[in-house]
Protein backbone atom coordinates (compact mmCIF):
# COMPACT_ATOMS: atom_id res chain seq x y z
CA UNK A 1 -20.70 21.32 4.91
CA UNK A 2 -23.26 19.40 2.67
CA UNK A 3 -24.38 16.46 4.59
CA UNK A 4 -23.67 13.02 2.90
CA UNK A 5 -23.28 9.51 4.08
CA UNK A 6 -19.52 10.16 3.98
CA UNK A 7 -19.83 12.98 6.51
CA UNK A 8 -22.25 11.15 8.79
CA UNK A 9 -21.31 11.09 12.45
CA UNK A 10 -22.97 7.63 12.94
CA UNK A 11 -21.90 4.76 10.75
CA UNK A 12 -25.45 3.41 10.54
CA UNK A 13 -26.23 6.67 8.50
CA UNK A 14 -22.69 6.64 6.89
CA UNK A 15 -20.93 3.49 5.99
CA UNK A 16 -23.80 1.07 6.70
CA UNK A 17 -26.73 3.38 5.56
CA UNK A 18 -27.92 1.25 2.75
CA UNK A 19 -28.02 -1.76 4.94
CA UNK A 20 -30.60 -0.10 7.26
CA UNK A 21 -32.88 1.38 4.84
CA UNK A 22 -35.84 -0.65 6.08
CA UNK A 23 -35.37 0.47 9.87
CA UNK A 24 -34.80 4.12 8.93
CA UNK A 25 -38.46 5.06 8.15
CA UNK A 26 -39.71 3.51 11.42
CA UNK A 27 -37.16 4.63 13.92
CA UNK A 28 -35.68 8.01 12.42
CA UNK A 29 -37.05 11.51 13.56
CA UNK A 30 -39.25 11.39 10.45
CA UNK A 31 -40.71 8.07 11.70
CA UNK A 32 -41.15 9.54 15.14
CA UNK A 33 -43.07 12.58 13.39
CA UNK A 34 -44.98 10.14 11.26
CA UNK A 35 -46.34 8.44 14.25
CA UNK A 36 -47.10 11.52 16.33
CA UNK A 37 -49.30 12.77 13.28
CA UNK A 38 -50.88 9.13 13.33
CA UNK A 39 -51.74 9.47 17.03
CA UNK A 40 -53.12 12.90 16.68
CA UNK A 41 -55.35 11.96 13.89
CA UNK A 42 -56.63 8.96 15.54
CA UNK A 43 -57.33 10.81 18.68
CA UNK A 44 -59.19 13.46 16.92
CA UNK A 45 -61.28 11.03 14.89
CA UNK A 46 -62.42 9.12 18.08
CA UNK A 47 -63.27 12.40 19.83
CA UNK A 48 -65.70 13.11 16.80
CA UNK A 49 -67.33 9.74 17.52
CA UNK A 50 -67.50 10.27 21.11
CA UNK A 51 -70.85 11.59 21.09
CA UNK A 52 -70.03 15.13 22.29
CA UNK A 53 -72.65 17.83 20.94
CA UNK A 54 -69.80 20.16 20.53
CA UNK A 55 -68.05 17.94 18.01
CA UNK A 56 -70.33 16.02 15.61
CA UNK A 57 -68.94 12.81 13.85
CA UNK A 58 -66.68 13.66 10.79
CA UNK A 59 -68.01 13.01 7.24
CA UNK A 60 -66.47 9.91 5.40
CA UNK A 61 -64.41 12.32 3.31
CA UNK A 62 -63.03 14.00 6.29
CA UNK A 63 -61.90 10.87 7.67
CA UNK A 64 -60.41 9.76 4.47
CA UNK A 65 -58.27 12.85 4.38
CA UNK A 66 -57.25 12.61 7.90
CA UNK A 67 -56.15 9.05 7.70
CA UNK A 68 -54.23 10.05 4.42
CA UNK A 69 -52.32 12.70 6.46
CA UNK A 70 -50.60 9.85 8.11
CA UNK A 71 -50.67 7.19 5.57
CA UNK A 72 -48.99 9.36 3.10
CA UNK A 73 -46.75 11.13 5.30
CA UNK A 74 -43.53 12.12 3.47
CA UNK A 75 -39.97 13.73 4.06
CA UNK A 76 -41.32 17.06 2.96
CA UNK A 77 -44.19 16.84 5.53
CA UNK A 78 -41.42 16.28 8.21
CA UNK A 79 -39.49 19.14 7.02
CA UNK A 80 -42.35 21.35 7.07
CA UNK A 81 -43.07 20.41 10.81
CA UNK A 82 -39.30 21.02 11.56
CA UNK A 83 -39.76 24.51 10.02
CA UNK A 84 -42.49 25.07 12.30
CA UNK A 85 -40.51 23.93 15.24
CA UNK A 86 -38.10 26.81 14.69
CA UNK A 87 -40.74 29.04 15.89
CA UNK A 88 -42.47 26.87 18.49
CA UNK A 89 -39.25 25.23 19.90
CA UNK A 90 -41.55 22.44 21.01
CA UNK A 91 -41.75 19.45 18.60
CA UNK A 92 -45.15 18.16 19.55
CA UNK A 93 -46.81 21.56 19.14
CA UNK A 94 -45.28 21.94 15.86
CA UNK A 95 -47.12 18.56 14.86
CA UNK A 96 -50.27 20.11 16.10
CA UNK A 97 -49.80 23.31 14.19
CA UNK A 98 -49.02 21.28 11.06
CA UNK A 99 -52.03 19.31 11.14
CA UNK A 100 -54.22 22.48 11.81
CA UNK A 101 -52.44 24.03 8.82
CA UNK A 102 -53.94 21.23 6.68
CA UNK A 103 -57.34 22.06 7.72
CA UNK A 104 -57.30 25.57 6.14
CA UNK A 105 -59.07 24.60 2.96
CA UNK A 106 -61.43 22.23 4.68
CA UNK A 107 -64.36 24.00 6.73
CA UNK A 108 -65.55 21.08 8.22
CA UNK A 109 -62.10 20.31 9.80
CA UNK A 110 -61.18 23.94 10.54
CA UNK A 111 -64.35 24.41 12.78
CA UNK A 112 -63.33 21.55 14.91
CA UNK A 113 -59.47 22.29 14.70
CA UNK A 114 -59.51 22.97 18.62
CA UNK A 115 -60.00 19.30 19.07
CA UNK A 116 -56.71 18.36 17.78
CA UNK A 117 -54.55 17.72 20.81
CA UNK A 118 -57.70 18.09 23.02
CA UNK A 119 -56.79 17.27 26.76
CA UNK A 120 -53.45 15.81 25.78
CA UNK A 121 -50.23 16.35 27.30
CA UNK A 122 -47.19 16.04 25.05
CA UNK A 123 -46.45 12.65 26.65
CA UNK A 124 -49.81 11.19 25.38
CA UNK A 125 -48.70 11.67 21.92
CA UNK A 126 -44.89 10.86 22.42
CA UNK A 127 -45.26 7.61 24.49
CA UNK A 128 -47.80 6.25 22.06
CA UNK A 129 -45.62 7.05 19.03
CA UNK A 130 -42.56 5.54 20.51
CA UNK A 131 -44.71 2.44 21.09
CA UNK A 132 -45.73 2.40 17.40
CA UNK A 133 -42.24 3.03 16.43
CA UNK A 134 -41.15 -0.04 18.48
CA UNK A 135 -43.81 -2.19 17.25
CA UNK A 136 -42.95 -1.44 13.67
CA UNK A 137 -39.06 -1.87 14.25
CA UNK A 138 -39.68 -5.19 16.12
CA UNK A 139 -42.42 -6.66 13.95
CA UNK A 140 -40.88 -5.34 10.43
CA UNK A 141 -37.22 -5.48 11.04
CA UNK A 142 -36.01 -7.32 14.13
CA UNK A 143 -38.14 -10.36 14.21
CA UNK A 144 -37.77 -11.02 10.32
CA UNK A 145 -34.13 -10.81 10.68
CA UNK A 146 -33.92 -13.09 13.57
CA UNK A 147 -36.43 -15.54 11.65
CA UNK A 148 -34.06 -15.58 8.65
CA UNK A 149 -30.88 -16.18 10.73
CA UNK A 150 -32.82 -19.12 12.55
CA UNK A 151 -33.92 -20.64 9.40
CA UNK A 152 -30.51 -20.51 8.06
CA UNK A 153 -29.03 -22.11 11.21
CA UNK A 154 -31.83 -24.85 11.34
CA UNK A 155 -30.82 -25.75 7.59
CA UNK A 156 -27.35 -26.02 8.69
CA UNK A 157 -28.11 -28.24 11.62
CA UNK A 158 -30.06 -30.49 9.39
CA UNK A 159 -27.62 -30.70 6.59
CA UNK A 160 -24.60 -31.34 8.98
CA UNK A 161 -26.61 -33.38 11.59
CA UNK A 162 -24.32 -36.55 11.03
CA UNK A 163 -20.95 -35.03 10.56
CA UNK A 164 -18.71 -35.76 13.54
CA UNK A 165 -16.73 -33.18 15.25
CA UNK A 166 -14.42 -33.20 18.07
CA UNK A 167 -15.68 -31.21 21.10
CA UNK A 168 -13.30 -28.79 22.94
CA UNK A 169 -14.29 -28.27 26.61
CA UNK A 170 -11.94 -25.95 28.16
CA UNK A 171 -10.15 -25.74 24.81
CA UNK A 172 -9.15 -29.54 25.31
CA UNK A 173 -10.12 -32.42 23.27
CA UNK A 174 -13.64 -33.89 24.56
CA UNK A 175 -16.13 -36.21 23.80
CA UNK A 176 -17.36 -36.04 20.14
CA UNK A 177 -20.44 -34.23 18.87
CA UNK A 178 -21.83 -33.42 15.21
CA UNK A 179 -21.68 -30.04 13.70
CA UNK A 180 -25.23 -30.18 13.19
CA UNK A 181 -25.92 -30.71 17.00
CA UNK A 182 -23.82 -27.70 17.95
CA UNK A 183 -25.63 -25.54 15.70
CA UNK A 184 -29.02 -27.12 16.86
CA UNK A 185 -28.16 -25.88 20.47
CA UNK A 186 -28.13 -22.27 19.05
CA UNK A 187 -31.23 -22.49 17.05
CA UNK A 188 -33.19 -23.82 20.24
CA UNK A 189 -31.62 -20.74 22.45
CA UNK A 190 -32.18 -18.32 19.60
CA UNK A 191 -35.67 -19.46 19.05
CA UNK A 192 -36.74 -19.20 22.60
CA UNK A 193 -35.22 -15.70 22.84
CA UNK A 194 -37.13 -14.67 19.56
CA UNK A 195 -40.33 -15.73 21.29
CA UNK A 196 -39.65 -13.67 24.49
CA UNK A 197 -39.01 -10.55 22.02
CA UNK A 198 -42.21 -11.23 20.30
CA UNK A 199 -44.23 -11.61 23.41
CA UNK A 200 -43.54 -8.25 24.89
CA UNK A 201 -46.86 -6.29 25.25
CA UNK A 202 -46.05 -2.92 23.75
CA UNK A 203 -47.96 -0.38 25.71
CA UNK A 204 -49.50 3.18 25.51
CA UNK A 205 -51.32 5.65 27.74
CA UNK A 206 -53.42 8.65 27.07
CA UNK A 207 -54.31 10.00 30.55
CA UNK A 208 -53.08 13.72 30.57
CA UNK A 209 -50.38 15.30 32.36
CA UNK A 210 -50.08 13.08 35.34
CA UNK A 211 -52.24 10.10 34.69
CA UNK A 212 -55.40 11.15 36.27
CA UNK A 213 -57.50 12.23 33.21
CA UNK A 214 -57.56 15.89 34.96
CA UNK A 215 -57.93 18.00 31.94
CA UNK A 216 -60.39 15.48 30.27
CA UNK A 217 -62.86 15.55 33.38
CA UNK A 218 -62.88 19.41 33.52
CA UNK A 219 -64.29 19.41 30.06
CA UNK A 220 -66.71 16.39 30.31
CA UNK A 221 -67.03 15.29 34.10
CA UNK A 222 -69.40 12.58 33.32
CA UNK A 223 -67.64 11.14 30.50
CA UNK A 224 -65.76 7.71 30.90
CA UNK A 225 -62.51 9.03 29.58
CA UNK A 226 -60.57 5.98 30.83
CA UNK A 227 -62.78 3.59 28.86
CA UNK A 228 -62.68 5.85 25.85
CA UNK A 229 -58.69 6.26 26.02
CA UNK A 230 -58.53 2.18 26.25
CA UNK A 231 -60.66 2.02 22.99
CA UNK A 232 -58.32 4.38 21.22
CA UNK A 233 -55.17 2.60 22.15
CA UNK A 234 -56.27 -1.00 21.90
CA UNK A 235 -58.49 -0.72 18.60
CA UNK A 236 -56.44 -2.11 15.83
CA UNK A 237 -54.94 0.45 13.27
CA UNK A 238 -55.80 2.65 11.40
CA UNK A 239 -58.72 3.92 13.67
CA UNK A 240 -56.93 2.74 16.64
CA UNK A 241 -53.28 2.22 17.61
CA UNK A 242 -53.28 -1.33 18.02
CA UNK A 243 -51.34 -1.13 21.58
CA UNK A 244 -51.97 -2.49 24.89
CA UNK A 245 -53.42 -0.03 27.35
CA UNK A 246 -51.57 1.20 30.36
CA UNK A 247 -54.13 2.13 33.03
CA UNK A 248 -51.52 3.47 35.61
CA UNK A 249 -48.79 6.24 35.07
CA UNK A 250 -47.30 9.48 35.82
CA UNK A 251 -46.94 12.00 33.10
CA UNK A 252 -44.88 9.32 31.02
CA UNK A 253 -45.76 5.68 30.28
CA UNK A 254 -43.37 3.90 32.89
CA UNK A 255 -41.43 2.17 29.95
CA UNK A 256 -41.07 -0.98 31.80
CA UNK A 257 -42.18 -2.80 28.85
CA UNK A 258 -39.53 -1.07 26.69
CA UNK A 259 -36.92 -2.41 29.35
CA UNK A 260 -38.28 -5.93 28.88
CA UNK A 261 -38.23 -5.59 25.25
CA UNK A 262 -34.82 -4.28 25.29
CA UNK A 263 -33.39 -6.78 27.58
CA UNK A 264 -35.13 -9.62 25.58
CA UNK A 265 -33.27 -8.31 22.26
CA UNK A 266 -30.06 -8.37 24.28
CA UNK A 267 -30.36 -11.67 25.19
CA UNK A 268 -30.76 -13.02 21.72
CA UNK A 269 -27.72 -10.76 20.86
CA UNK A 270 -25.77 -12.34 23.65
CA UNK A 271 -26.48 -15.77 22.41
CA UNK A 272 -25.42 -14.75 18.84
CA UNK A 273 -22.15 -13.17 20.29
CA UNK A 274 -21.51 -16.55 21.71
CA UNK A 275 -22.09 -18.17 18.40
CA UNK A 276 -20.11 -15.82 16.29
CA UNK A 277 -17.00 -16.43 18.57
CA UNK A 278 -17.59 -20.08 18.27
CA UNK A 279 -17.79 -20.16 14.47
CA UNK A 280 -14.74 -17.60 14.40
CA UNK A 281 -12.76 -20.49 16.30
CA UNK A 282 -13.97 -23.31 14.02
CA UNK A 283 -13.03 -21.19 11.09
CA UNK A 284 -9.56 -20.92 12.85
CA UNK A 285 -9.20 -24.54 13.16
CA UNK A 286 -10.11 -25.20 9.75
CA UNK A 287 -13.35 -26.81 10.47
CA UNK A 288 -14.98 -24.09 8.23
CA UNK A 289 -13.60 -22.88 4.87
CA UNK A 290 -15.01 -19.42 3.43
CA UNK A 291 -16.07 -19.20 -0.03
CA UNK A 292 -13.96 -16.54 -1.84
CA UNK A 293 -15.53 -13.42 -3.37
CA UNK A 294 -13.70 -12.19 -6.59
CA UNK A 295 -11.61 -8.93 -5.74
CA UNK A 296 -12.01 -9.41 -2.00
CA UNK A 297 -8.73 -8.77 -0.04
CA UNK A 298 -8.28 -10.34 3.35
CA UNK A 299 -4.97 -8.65 4.30
CA UNK A 300 -2.92 -5.83 2.88
CA UNK A 301 0.27 -7.63 3.11
CA UNK A 302 -0.58 -11.26 3.48
CA UNK A 303 -2.32 -12.46 0.14
CA UNK A 304 -3.30 -15.81 1.52
CA UNK A 305 -5.73 -14.67 4.24
CA UNK A 306 -9.47 -15.01 4.06
CA UNK A 307 -10.47 -13.39 7.26
CA UNK A 308 -13.74 -14.30 9.16
CA UNK A 309 -14.70 -10.66 8.96
CA UNK A 310 -18.51 -11.16 8.86
CA UNK A 311 -18.42 -12.95 12.29
CA UNK A 312 -16.05 -10.26 13.87
CA UNK A 313 -18.35 -7.49 12.35
CA UNK A 314 -21.47 -9.17 13.78
CA UNK A 315 -19.71 -9.56 17.27
CA UNK A 316 -18.62 -5.98 17.24
CA UNK A 317 -22.03 -4.65 16.49
CA UNK A 318 -23.85 -7.00 18.86
CA UNK A 319 -21.67 -5.68 21.48
CA UNK A 320 -22.58 -1.97 20.47
CA UNK A 321 -26.20 -2.91 20.40
CA UNK A 322 -26.32 -4.39 23.75
CA UNK A 323 -24.30 -1.65 25.31
CA UNK A 324 -27.13 0.82 24.25
CA UNK A 325 -29.88 -1.73 25.03
CA UNK A 326 -28.75 -2.14 28.35
CA UNK A 327 -28.57 1.55 28.99
CA UNK A 328 -32.02 2.08 27.73
CA UNK A 329 -33.53 -0.78 29.84
CA UNK A 330 -31.89 0.53 33.07
CA UNK A 331 -32.53 4.38 32.52
CA UNK A 332 -35.87 4.33 31.11
CA UNK A 333 -37.93 3.13 34.01
CA UNK A 334 -36.58 5.79 36.13
CA UNK A 335 -38.12 9.38 36.22
CA UNK A 336 -37.80 11.90 39.01
CA UNK A 337 -41.33 12.45 40.66
CA UNK A 338 -44.04 12.79 37.99
CA UNK A 339 -41.74 13.54 35.11
CA UNK A 340 -38.15 14.47 34.17
CA UNK A 341 -36.87 14.91 30.83
CA UNK A 342 -33.83 12.60 30.91
CA UNK A 343 -35.89 9.86 29.02
CA UNK A 344 -36.38 12.07 26.10
CA UNK A 345 -32.96 12.29 24.57
CA UNK A 346 -32.38 8.71 25.58
CA UNK A 347 -35.32 7.59 23.53
CA UNK A 348 -34.23 9.04 20.46
CA UNK A 349 -31.40 6.47 20.44
CA UNK A 350 -34.01 3.47 20.32
CA UNK A 351 -33.48 3.41 16.57
CA UNK A 352 -29.48 3.23 17.00
CA UNK A 353 -29.66 0.33 19.37
CA UNK A 354 -31.85 -1.57 17.01
CA UNK A 355 -29.93 -0.58 14.00
CA UNK A 356 -26.53 -2.06 15.32
CA UNK A 357 -28.57 -5.19 16.22
CA UNK A 358 -30.14 -5.38 12.66
CA UNK A 359 -26.78 -4.65 10.94
CA UNK A 360 -25.17 -7.52 13.14
CA UNK A 361 -27.80 -10.05 11.96
CA UNK A 362 -27.14 -9.01 8.42
CA UNK A 363 -23.35 -9.63 8.74
CA UNK A 364 -23.84 -12.85 10.64
CA UNK A 365 -26.16 -14.04 7.82
CA UNK A 366 -23.64 -13.08 5.21
CA UNK A 367 -20.81 -14.96 7.10
CA UNK A 368 -22.93 -18.20 7.28
CA UNK A 369 -23.76 -18.00 3.51
CA UNK A 370 -20.09 -18.03 2.85
CA UNK A 371 -19.26 -21.17 5.23
CA UNK A 372 -18.25 -24.60 3.67
CA UNK A 373 -17.67 -27.51 5.75
CA UNK A 374 -14.39 -28.85 5.73
CA UNK A 375 -14.96 -32.63 6.46
CA UNK A 376 -11.34 -33.50 6.02
CA UNK A 377 -10.08 -31.26 8.84
CA UNK A 378 -12.87 -32.55 11.00
CA UNK A 379 -11.98 -36.16 10.33
CA UNK A 380 -8.07 -35.69 10.79
CA UNK A 381 -8.71 -33.90 14.22
CA UNK A 382 -11.00 -36.76 15.38
CA UNK A 383 -8.55 -39.43 14.23
CA UNK A 384 -5.82 -37.81 16.18
CA UNK A 385 -7.89 -37.79 19.48
CA UNK A 386 -8.44 -41.37 20.44
CA UNK A 387 -8.17 -40.19 24.10
CA UNK A 388 -11.62 -39.30 23.95
CA UNK A 389 -12.66 -43.01 24.04
CA UNK A 390 -11.39 -43.33 27.60
CA UNK A 391 -14.65 -42.14 28.58
CA UNK A 392 -16.86 -45.02 27.01
CA UNK A 393 -14.23 -47.66 27.82
CA UNK A 394 -14.29 -46.72 31.62
CA UNK A 395 -18.20 -46.26 31.81
CA UNK A 396 -18.51 -49.91 30.28
CA UNK A 397 -15.90 -51.11 32.87
CA UNK A 398 -17.84 -49.43 35.64
CA UNK A 399 -21.03 -51.24 34.32
CA UNK A 400 -19.41 -54.60 34.84
CA UNK A 401 -17.90 -53.92 38.18
CA UNK A 402 -14.19 -53.65 37.09
CA UNK A 403 -12.48 -51.91 40.01
CA UNK A 404 -10.45 -48.61 39.51
CA UNK A 405 -11.90 -48.10 35.92
CA UNK A 406 -11.38 -44.47 35.87
CA UNK A 407 -7.79 -44.74 37.43
CA UNK A 408 -6.86 -47.41 34.72
CA UNK A 409 -7.96 -45.00 31.90
CA UNK A 410 -6.42 -42.06 33.46
CA UNK A 411 -3.10 -43.90 33.65
CA UNK A 412 -3.12 -44.80 30.18
CA UNK A 413 -4.37 -41.65 28.61
CA UNK A 414 -3.87 -38.53 30.58
CA UNK A 415 -0.99 -36.07 29.18
CA UNK A 416 -0.04 -38.81 26.76
CA UNK A 417 -0.43 -39.33 22.87
CA UNK A 418 -2.89 -42.09 22.86
CA UNK A 419 -2.93 -44.48 19.88
CA UNK A 420 -5.97 -46.82 19.00
CA UNK A 421 -3.74 -49.94 19.68
CA UNK A 422 -3.10 -48.51 23.41
CA UNK A 423 -6.80 -48.63 23.95
CA UNK A 424 -7.35 -51.89 22.10
CA UNK A 425 -4.86 -53.54 24.26
CA UNK A 426 -6.42 -52.52 27.31
CA UNK A 427 -9.93 -53.47 26.15
CA UNK A 428 -8.76 -56.96 25.26
CA UNK A 429 -7.38 -57.35 28.74
CA UNK A 430 -10.61 -56.47 30.44
CA UNK A 431 -12.74 -59.03 32.32
CA UNK A 432 -15.99 -58.03 30.40
CA UNK A 433 -18.18 -60.07 28.00
CA UNK A 434 -16.80 -60.63 24.56
CA UNK A 435 -19.60 -58.64 22.83
CA UNK A 436 -18.83 -55.78 24.90
CA UNK A 437 -15.07 -56.06 24.08
CA UNK A 438 -16.14 -56.11 20.24
CA UNK A 439 -18.45 -53.06 20.54
CA UNK A 440 -15.50 -51.02 22.26
CA UNK A 441 -13.17 -52.36 19.73
CA UNK A 442 -15.14 -51.19 16.77
CA UNK A 443 -15.64 -47.65 18.19
CA UNK A 444 -13.77 -44.73 16.75
CA UNK A 445 -13.72 -41.15 17.89
CA UNK A 446 -16.01 -40.23 14.64
CA UNK A 447 -18.63 -42.98 15.75
CA UNK A 448 -18.62 -42.00 19.44
CA UNK A 449 -21.35 -39.09 19.24
CA UNK A 450 -24.13 -40.50 21.16
CA UNK A 451 -27.71 -39.03 20.09
CA UNK A 452 -26.08 -35.99 18.68
CA UNK A 453 -27.41 -36.68 14.81
CA UNK A 454 -30.83 -37.39 16.11
CA UNK A 455 -31.04 -34.21 18.17
CA UNK A 456 -29.74 -32.05 15.27
CA UNK A 457 -32.23 -33.57 12.88
CA UNK A 458 -35.39 -33.15 15.00
CA UNK A 459 -34.65 -29.41 15.80
C-alpha cells in the first residue's frame, strides 16, 4: 500500500495534514533526528574547545561544516539514518554512525571521529533533543497560536464592550452583562495560562549513564565535567543548546518540567473548552450568527442549517489533546530505579498531543472569524426579562431600611412573567426618596450592566 494522507492512521497526518505543516518539522521523527544531530554536533565542537591535548580545537571550516549538518538537515538525511538503523537496531547509534560517515572526506574530522558521542549515554542525546523539540513546538507553534486567539478575543471584547447581554446563571435569566465583558473574562484567563506555558524552564542533562559523570571522569579525572556540561546546555544556540541545566538525574532527565509544561497547556485548553461550549450555546440562542461560505453544507437533509462546527471541532480536539497531555504529565516523571523504557514510546507522542491542541486553536479562530453579533436577538431577550431588575430594586430598598425587601420582590417575580409595569407599580409605592424612585424607574434590563463595559474596554 502506498502511503498518502488518505491512508494515514492518524488524522493529524491525514485529513488535517496541511494544517499542521509548521509543527511537523519540529515534532516528527525527522525533527527528533534533526535535534539529535544538533546535540551530537554541539557536544563534539565543545569537546574540541575543552583543552584536551588529544582533541585540538577544530578549524573554522570544520566548525562551519559541522553546524551545517544540523542547520541543513533534510528528509534525505533522516532517511539515511533510518537505513543505518536497520542494521544497528539502535536509533541513537545510527545517528552517531551517520555523523561519522560525513567525516570520511575530511581528514581533520575523521581523525577525531571517536569523540562523536564521547562519554554519552543515549539519554544524554535523547533528553536534550526532546527538550529542543518542545522548545521549538512551544515557542514557534503553540504560543503564537494562543497569542493569535488572545488577540482576536481582545478585539472582540473591546468591540462589544457596551453590547448588553442577558446572563444565564444555572441556565436561568440573571443579572445582565455585556458581550465584551464575558469575552474579556476569557482573555484574562487565557493570558494567565499562556504565561504559565511560556515560563516553564525547559531542561536538559548530559551526565552519563546514571547521572554521575562516571565515564567522563574515567577519561579525564581532573576535568570539571559538570561545569562543562552546564556550559554546553546553557550556551545559546548554535554553539550550545540554550536550555536550562538539570544537575540531578538518573539515566533519564526526570521529566518534571515536561509534566509542568503539558499541564500548563492542558489548563489553557480547558479554558478554551469552556469558551467553545459557551459560544456554541450563544449561537444556539441566536446571540451570534455565522457568516455563510459559498458551497458549504450544514446538514445533508436540512438545507437551512448553519452548524457551529468550528467550535465543536475545537472542543473535540482540545479534549483529545488534554487526554494525551495528562497521560504524558502523569506517566513521564515515573521511571523504575535508574531507568526503564516506558517513557521512550510515550515521548514519541508529544507531537500528537501538541498537534491536536494546535489544530483546535486553528478551528477556534476560524469559528471566531465567522461570528457576527445579532444585537436584535440580544435586545429581545433582555426586554423579555424584566425580572432581573428585582435585584437592584431590593438592593436599594435594603439601603433605605425597607423591611422584607427580598421577600417582597420574590413575591412579585418568582415563577412569574414579569412586566415593566409590575415593577414600576412596586417602585412607586416604596417609601424611599423620589430621586431613587426615578433612578429605578429609568432602569431597564439593558442598562443594568454595572461596570461590565468598563471592564471589557480595559482588558
